[in-house]
Amino acid sequence: MKRIATIVLSITVLCSIAGCGTYYRVTDTTTNTAYYTKKVKSEKSGAVKFTDQSSGATVTLQSSKVEKIKKAEYRAGVRG
C-alpha cells in the first residue's frame, strides 16, 4: 500500500513539473467568440466563469460551449 501511494505521489509531482494540465476553449455561442483558459467554474445559474488567458479578464457566459483541447491548440489560441 505504501508503494502505491509513493507511485501516485511521484506521478502527481511529475505532471506538475512537466506541465500536465487541462486546457479549455470556451466559445460564446451568442457571438462565436473563443476564449482559452485552464480552469472553468460552473455557476448555479448554469453560466460558466473563467479567466481568459489572452486578456486576463474574468469572463462569465450564460450560453457557451466548453471543449477540452490539447496544449498546442491552447498556446496557439492564447497567442492569437
N, C-alpha and C. Protein backbone atom coordinates (compact mmCIF):
# COMPACT_ATOMS: atom_id res chain seq x y z
N MET A 1 0.83 -1.20 0.00
CA MET A 1 0.00 0.00 0.00
C MET A 1 0.87 1.26 0.00
N LYS A 2 1.95 1.22 0.76
CA LYS A 2 2.84 2.37 0.85
C LYS A 2 3.50 2.62 -0.51
N ARG A 3 3.80 1.54 -1.23
CA ARG A 3 4.43 1.67 -2.54
C ARG A 3 3.48 2.33 -3.54
N ILE A 4 2.21 1.97 -3.50
CA ILE A 4 1.22 2.57 -4.40
C ILE A 4 1.09 4.06 -4.13
N ALA A 5 1.07 4.43 -2.87
CA ALA A 5 0.98 5.85 -2.51
C ALA A 5 2.20 6.61 -3.03
N THR A 6 3.37 6.00 -2.95
CA THR A 6 4.59 6.63 -3.45
C THR A 6 4.53 6.80 -4.96
N ILE A 7 4.03 5.81 -5.66
CA ILE A 7 3.91 5.89 -7.12
C ILE A 7 2.93 6.99 -7.52
N VAL A 8 1.79 7.04 -6.86
CA VAL A 8 0.79 8.07 -7.17
C VAL A 8 1.36 9.46 -6.91
N LEU A 9 2.04 9.63 -5.81
CA LEU A 9 2.65 10.92 -5.48
C LEU A 9 3.70 11.30 -6.52
N SER A 10 4.50 10.33 -6.95
CA SER A 10 5.53 10.59 -7.96
C SER A 10 4.92 11.04 -9.27
N ILE A 11 3.85 10.37 -9.69
CA ILE A 11 3.17 10.75 -10.94
C ILE A 11 2.60 12.16 -10.83
N THR A 12 2.02 12.48 -9.69
CA THR A 12 1.46 13.82 -9.48
C THR A 12 2.55 14.88 -9.58
N VAL A 13 3.68 14.63 -8.95
CA VAL A 13 4.79 15.59 -8.99
C VAL A 13 5.33 15.73 -10.41
N LEU A 14 5.48 14.62 -11.12
CA LEU A 14 5.97 14.67 -12.49
C LEU A 14 5.03 15.45 -13.39
N CYS A 15 3.74 15.25 -13.22
CA CYS A 15 2.77 16.01 -14.02
C CYS A 15 2.85 17.49 -13.72
N SER A 16 3.05 17.85 -12.47
CA SER A 16 3.17 19.25 -12.10
C SER A 16 4.39 19.87 -12.74
N ILE A 17 5.49 19.15 -12.72
CA ILE A 17 6.73 19.66 -13.30
C ILE A 17 6.64 19.72 -14.82
N ALA A 18 6.08 18.69 -15.42
CA ALA A 18 6.01 18.61 -16.88
C ALA A 18 4.92 19.49 -17.47
N GLY A 19 4.10 20.09 -16.65
CA GLY A 19 3.05 20.96 -17.14
C GLY A 19 1.78 20.23 -17.54
N CYS A 20 1.59 19.06 -16.99
CA CYS A 20 0.35 18.33 -17.27
C CYS A 20 -0.80 19.19 -16.76
N GLY A 21 -1.80 19.31 -17.54
CA GLY A 21 -2.94 20.10 -17.11
C GLY A 21 -4.06 19.95 -18.11
N THR A 22 -5.12 20.60 -17.80
CA THR A 22 -6.28 20.57 -18.68
C THR A 22 -6.42 21.96 -19.29
N TYR A 23 -6.67 21.97 -20.57
CA TYR A 23 -6.80 23.21 -21.30
C TYR A 23 -8.18 23.24 -21.94
N TYR A 24 -8.80 24.42 -21.94
CA TYR A 24 -10.16 24.55 -22.45
C TYR A 24 -10.27 25.69 -23.45
N ARG A 25 -11.13 25.47 -24.44
CA ARG A 25 -11.59 26.55 -25.31
C ARG A 25 -13.06 26.72 -24.96
N VAL A 26 -13.43 27.92 -24.54
CA VAL A 26 -14.80 28.23 -24.20
C VAL A 26 -15.31 29.18 -25.28
N THR A 27 -16.34 28.76 -25.97
CA THR A 27 -16.89 29.57 -27.06
C THR A 27 -18.22 30.15 -26.65
N ASP A 28 -18.35 31.47 -26.76
CA ASP A 28 -19.61 32.16 -26.52
C ASP A 28 -20.51 31.84 -27.71
N THR A 29 -21.57 31.09 -27.48
CA THR A 29 -22.43 30.67 -28.59
C THR A 29 -23.26 31.80 -29.18
N THR A 30 -23.34 32.92 -28.47
CA THR A 30 -24.08 34.07 -28.98
C THR A 30 -23.25 34.85 -30.00
N THR A 31 -21.97 35.07 -29.69
CA THR A 31 -21.09 35.88 -30.55
C THR A 31 -20.07 35.05 -31.30
N ASN A 32 -19.96 33.77 -30.98
CA ASN A 32 -18.98 32.86 -31.56
C ASN A 32 -17.54 33.25 -31.23
N THR A 33 -17.33 33.97 -30.12
CA THR A 33 -16.01 34.36 -29.65
C THR A 33 -15.41 33.21 -28.84
N ALA A 34 -14.14 32.89 -29.12
CA ALA A 34 -13.45 31.81 -28.41
C ALA A 34 -12.53 32.39 -27.35
N TYR A 35 -12.53 31.77 -26.18
CA TYR A 35 -11.66 32.14 -25.07
C TYR A 35 -10.85 30.89 -24.69
N TYR A 36 -9.67 31.10 -24.14
CA TYR A 36 -8.81 29.99 -23.74
C TYR A 36 -8.47 30.12 -22.26
N THR A 37 -8.59 29.00 -21.54
CA THR A 37 -8.40 29.01 -20.11
C THR A 37 -7.95 27.63 -19.61
N LYS A 38 -7.48 27.58 -18.38
CA LYS A 38 -7.08 26.32 -17.76
C LYS A 38 -8.08 25.85 -16.72
N LYS A 39 -9.03 26.71 -16.34
CA LYS A 39 -9.99 26.35 -15.30
C LYS A 39 -11.34 26.98 -15.61
N VAL A 40 -12.38 26.18 -15.55
CA VAL A 40 -13.73 26.65 -15.80
C VAL A 40 -14.59 26.28 -14.59
N LYS A 41 -15.34 27.24 -14.10
CA LYS A 41 -16.22 27.01 -12.96
C LYS A 41 -17.67 27.14 -13.41
N SER A 42 -18.48 26.16 -13.07
CA SER A 42 -19.91 26.22 -13.38
C SER A 42 -20.64 26.92 -12.25
N GLU A 43 -21.45 27.89 -12.60
CA GLU A 43 -22.23 28.64 -11.63
C GLU A 43 -23.59 27.95 -11.42
N LYS A 44 -24.25 28.26 -10.32
CA LYS A 44 -25.57 27.68 -10.04
C LYS A 44 -26.60 28.04 -11.10
N SER A 45 -26.43 29.20 -11.71
CA SER A 45 -27.38 29.68 -12.72
C SER A 45 -27.23 28.95 -14.06
N GLY A 46 -26.17 28.15 -14.18
CA GLY A 46 -25.91 27.46 -15.43
C GLY A 46 -24.83 28.14 -16.26
N ALA A 47 -24.43 29.31 -15.84
CA ALA A 47 -23.37 30.04 -16.53
C ALA A 47 -22.01 29.41 -16.21
N VAL A 48 -21.00 29.75 -17.00
CA VAL A 48 -19.63 29.35 -16.70
C VAL A 48 -18.80 30.60 -16.45
N LYS A 49 -17.83 30.46 -15.55
CA LYS A 49 -16.97 31.58 -15.18
C LYS A 49 -15.53 31.11 -15.29
N PHE A 50 -14.67 31.97 -15.86
CA PHE A 50 -13.27 31.61 -16.06
C PHE A 50 -12.45 32.88 -16.29
N THR A 51 -11.14 32.72 -16.29
CA THR A 51 -10.24 33.82 -16.62
C THR A 51 -9.69 33.59 -18.01
N ASP A 52 -9.92 34.53 -18.91
CA ASP A 52 -9.40 34.44 -20.27
C ASP A 52 -7.90 34.67 -20.23
N GLN A 53 -7.13 33.71 -20.71
CA GLN A 53 -5.67 33.80 -20.63
C GLN A 53 -5.09 34.84 -21.57
N SER A 54 -5.78 35.19 -22.62
CA SER A 54 -5.27 36.20 -23.56
C SER A 54 -5.33 37.60 -22.96
N SER A 55 -6.45 37.92 -22.32
CA SER A 55 -6.65 39.28 -21.81
C SER A 55 -6.48 39.40 -20.30
N GLY A 56 -6.60 38.28 -19.59
CA GLY A 56 -6.54 38.31 -18.13
C GLY A 56 -7.88 38.67 -17.50
N ALA A 57 -8.89 38.87 -18.32
CA ALA A 57 -10.21 39.27 -17.82
C ALA A 57 -10.99 38.07 -17.29
N THR A 58 -11.76 38.31 -16.22
CA THR A 58 -12.68 37.29 -15.73
C THR A 58 -13.95 37.39 -16.57
N VAL A 59 -14.37 36.25 -17.12
CA VAL A 59 -15.49 36.21 -18.04
C VAL A 59 -16.56 35.29 -17.49
N THR A 60 -17.81 35.71 -17.58
CA THR A 60 -18.96 34.87 -17.23
C THR A 60 -19.86 34.81 -18.44
N LEU A 61 -20.17 33.58 -18.88
CA LEU A 61 -21.01 33.39 -20.05
C LEU A 61 -22.22 32.54 -19.69
N GLN A 62 -23.38 33.00 -20.08
CA GLN A 62 -24.61 32.25 -19.84
C GLN A 62 -24.80 31.14 -20.88
N SER A 63 -24.39 31.42 -22.10
CA SER A 63 -24.56 30.47 -23.19
C SER A 63 -23.19 30.19 -23.81
N SER A 64 -22.66 28.98 -23.57
CA SER A 64 -21.32 28.68 -24.04
C SER A 64 -21.14 27.22 -24.39
N LYS A 65 -20.05 26.95 -25.09
CA LYS A 65 -19.63 25.59 -25.42
C LYS A 65 -18.22 25.44 -24.86
N VAL A 66 -18.02 24.46 -23.98
CA VAL A 66 -16.72 24.23 -23.34
C VAL A 66 -16.12 22.95 -23.92
N GLU A 67 -14.88 23.07 -24.41
CA GLU A 67 -14.19 21.92 -25.00
C GLU A 67 -12.81 21.77 -24.39
N LYS A 68 -12.43 20.53 -24.06
CA LYS A 68 -11.06 20.24 -23.66
C LYS A 68 -10.23 20.21 -24.93
N ILE A 69 -9.05 20.86 -24.89
CA ILE A 69 -8.19 20.91 -26.05
C ILE A 69 -6.76 20.54 -25.66
N LYS A 70 -5.93 20.32 -26.65
CA LYS A 70 -4.53 19.98 -26.41
C LYS A 70 -3.72 21.24 -26.13
N LYS A 71 -2.59 21.05 -25.47
CA LYS A 71 -1.74 22.17 -25.06
C LYS A 71 -1.32 23.03 -26.25
N ALA A 72 -0.98 22.42 -27.38
CA ALA A 72 -0.54 23.17 -28.56
C ALA A 72 -1.66 24.08 -29.07
N GLU A 73 -2.88 23.58 -29.08
CA GLU A 73 -4.01 24.39 -29.53
C GLU A 73 -4.28 25.54 -28.55
N TYR A 74 -4.13 25.25 -27.26
CA TYR A 74 -4.29 26.27 -26.23
C TYR A 74 -3.27 27.39 -26.43
N ARG A 75 -2.01 27.01 -26.59
CA ARG A 75 -0.95 28.02 -26.78
C ARG A 75 -1.20 28.86 -28.03
N ALA A 76 -1.61 28.23 -29.11
CA ALA A 76 -1.89 28.97 -30.35
C ALA A 76 -3.05 29.93 -30.13
N GLY A 77 -4.07 29.51 -29.42
CA GLY A 77 -5.22 30.36 -29.15
C GLY A 77 -4.91 31.54 -28.27
N VAL A 78 -4.05 31.31 -27.27
CA VAL A 78 -3.68 32.40 -26.36
C VAL A 78 -2.83 33.44 -27.10
N ARG A 79 -1.98 32.99 -27.99
CA ARG A 79 -1.14 33.92 -28.76
C ARG A 79 -1.96 34.74 -29.76
N GLY A 80 -3.09 34.16 -30.18
CA GLY A 80 -3.96 34.87 -31.11
C GLY A 80 -3.63 34.55 -32.48
